[in-house]
Amino acid sequence: MSHRIFTASVASVYPLYVAKVERKGRTVAELRTAITWLTGYDDATFDRMLADGTTFEEFFARATLNPRSALITGSVCGVKVQEVEDPLMRSIRYLDKLVDELAKGRPMAKVLREA
């Protein structure tokens, strides 16, 4: 089953992530750190993908997910991320969960699963 988010561009959702974390007193730099930690992209590659209108499907197809991403657990929109069957949707939920944790003021070390 294909979800609309799969074909949405990352650039169309990124400003919403920025607004959410900034509203809660976090920085764009912290958000980008979380995104690059999850995906393995560097800042230049991430910027290029935003500029190119890369879809979430393409974004995660090219990503090298952090091995520690499996430690991301909990609920996003009432769905437990660790129970999402579809690998692409699970990756998107991982990203959503990291954004939520940043917005809730979780320490960066915990967001990045270092502690």
Protein backbone atom coordinates (compact mmCIF):
# COMPACT_ATOMS: atom_id res chain seq x y z
CA MET A 1 0.00 0.00 0.00
CA SER A 2 1.38 3.37 -1.00
CA HIS A 3 0.91 6.36 1.27
CA ARG A 4 0.79 9.96 0.08
CA ILE A 5 3.80 10.81 2.25
CA PHE A 6 5.96 8.45 0.14
CA THR A 7 5.65 10.74 -2.89
CA ALA A 8 5.71 14.01 -0.94
CA SER A 9 8.95 15.96 -1.19
CA VAL A 10 11.10 16.16 1.92
CA ALA A 11 11.37 19.90 1.19
CA SER A 12 7.59 20.27 1.56
CA VAL A 13 7.63 18.80 5.09
CA TYR A 14 10.99 20.11 6.31
CA PRO A 15 9.68 23.64 7.09
CA LEU A 16 7.04 22.02 9.32
CA TYR A 17 9.76 20.17 11.22
CA VAL A 18 11.72 23.43 11.56
CA ALA A 19 8.66 25.31 12.82
CA LYS A 20 7.86 22.58 15.34
CA VAL A 21 11.31 22.45 16.90
CA GLU A 22 11.83 26.23 16.85
CA ARG A 23 8.45 26.78 18.51
CA LYS A 24 9.76 24.67 21.38
CA GLY A 25 13.09 26.50 21.64
CA ARG A 26 15.26 24.06 19.69
CA THR A 27 17.48 25.01 16.76
CA VAL A 28 17.61 24.14 13.08
CA ALA A 29 21.17 22.91 13.73
CA GLU A 30 19.84 20.38 16.26
CA LEU A 31 17.17 19.25 13.81
CA ARG A 32 19.73 18.83 11.04
CA THR A 33 22.00 16.90 13.41
CA ALA A 34 19.16 14.49 14.13
CA ILE A 35 18.30 14.10 10.42
CA THR A 36 21.91 13.51 9.36
CA TRP A 37 22.42 11.11 12.28
CA LEU A 38 19.40 9.06 11.15
CA THR A 39 20.09 9.08 7.41
CA GLY A 40 23.88 9.19 7.11
CA TYR A 41 23.68 12.21 4.79
CA ASP A 42 26.03 15.15 5.19
CA ASP A 43 24.67 18.71 5.19
CA ALA A 44 25.55 19.34 1.53
CA THR A 45 23.77 16.18 0.35
CA PHE A 46 20.75 16.97 2.51
CA ASP A 47 20.58 20.54 1.11
CA ARG A 48 20.83 19.18 -2.44
CA MET A 49 17.97 16.75 -1.79
CA LEU A 50 15.82 19.58 -0.45
CA ALA A 51 16.63 21.71 -3.52
CA ASP A 52 15.95 18.80 -5.91
CA GLY A 53 12.50 18.06 -4.46
CA THR A 54 13.50 14.53 -3.45
CA THR A 55 10.53 12.44 -2.32
CA PHE A 56 10.53 10.60 0.99
CA GLU A 57 10.68 7.35 -0.98
CA GLU A 58 13.87 8.45 -2.78
CA PHE A 59 15.27 10.09 0.36
CA PHE A 60 15.15 6.91 2.42
CA ALA A 61 16.04 4.62 -0.51
CA ARG A 62 19.41 6.39 -0.75
CA ALA A 63 19.91 6.78 3.00
CA THR A 64 22.11 4.60 5.15
CA LEU A 65 20.07 4.39 8.33
CA ASN A 66 22.04 4.66 11.51
CA PRO A 67 22.37 1.19 13.06
CA ARG A 68 21.15 2.68 16.34
CA SER A 69 17.90 3.80 14.71
CA ALA A 70 16.37 0.48 15.82
CA LEU A 71 16.57 1.91 19.35
CA ILE A 72 13.95 4.52 18.41
CA THR A 73 10.74 3.37 20.05
CA GLY A 74 7.49 4.90 21.18
CA SER A 75 4.39 6.26 19.51
CA VAL A 76 3.89 8.80 16.75
CA CYS A 77 0.26 9.66 16.07
CA GLY A 78 -0.79 6.68 18.18
CA VAL A 79 1.32 4.21 16.18
CA LYS A 80 4.26 2.45 17.80
CA VAL A 81 7.19 3.06 15.46
CA GLN A 82 8.84 -0.26 16.29
CA GLU A 83 5.69 -2.09 15.14
CA VAL A 84 5.41 -0.43 11.70
CA GLU A 85 5.77 -3.21 9.12
CA ASP A 86 6.64 -1.21 6.00
CA PRO A 87 10.36 -0.31 6.10
CA LEU A 88 9.84 3.04 4.35
CA MET A 89 7.00 4.06 6.65
CA ARG A 90 9.06 2.94 9.67
CA SER A 91 11.94 5.17 8.52
CA ILE A 92 9.58 8.12 8.13
CA ARG A 93 8.16 7.44 11.60
CA TYR A 94 11.71 7.31 13.01
CA LEU A 95 12.24 10.79 11.61
CA ASP A 96 8.91 11.98 13.04
CA LYS A 97 9.82 10.54 16.43
CA LEU A 98 13.20 12.31 16.47
CA VAL A 99 11.47 15.61 15.65
CA ASP A 100 8.95 14.98 18.45
CA GLU A 101 11.70 14.22 20.93
CA LEU A 102 13.58 17.39 20.01
CA ALA A 103 10.40 19.43 20.37
CA LYS A 104 9.74 17.89 23.78
CA GLY A 105 13.14 19.07 25.00
CA ARG A 106 14.84 15.69 25.18
CA PRO A 107 18.63 16.03 25.57
CA MET A 108 20.47 15.68 22.25
CA ALA A 109 22.49 12.68 23.52
CA LYS A 110 19.24 10.80 24.19
CA VAL A 111 17.71 11.83 20.84
CA LEU A 112 20.81 10.42 19.12
CA ARG A 113 20.65 7.27 21.24
CA GLU A 114 24.08 7.91 22.80
CA ALA A 115 22.92 7.48 26.38
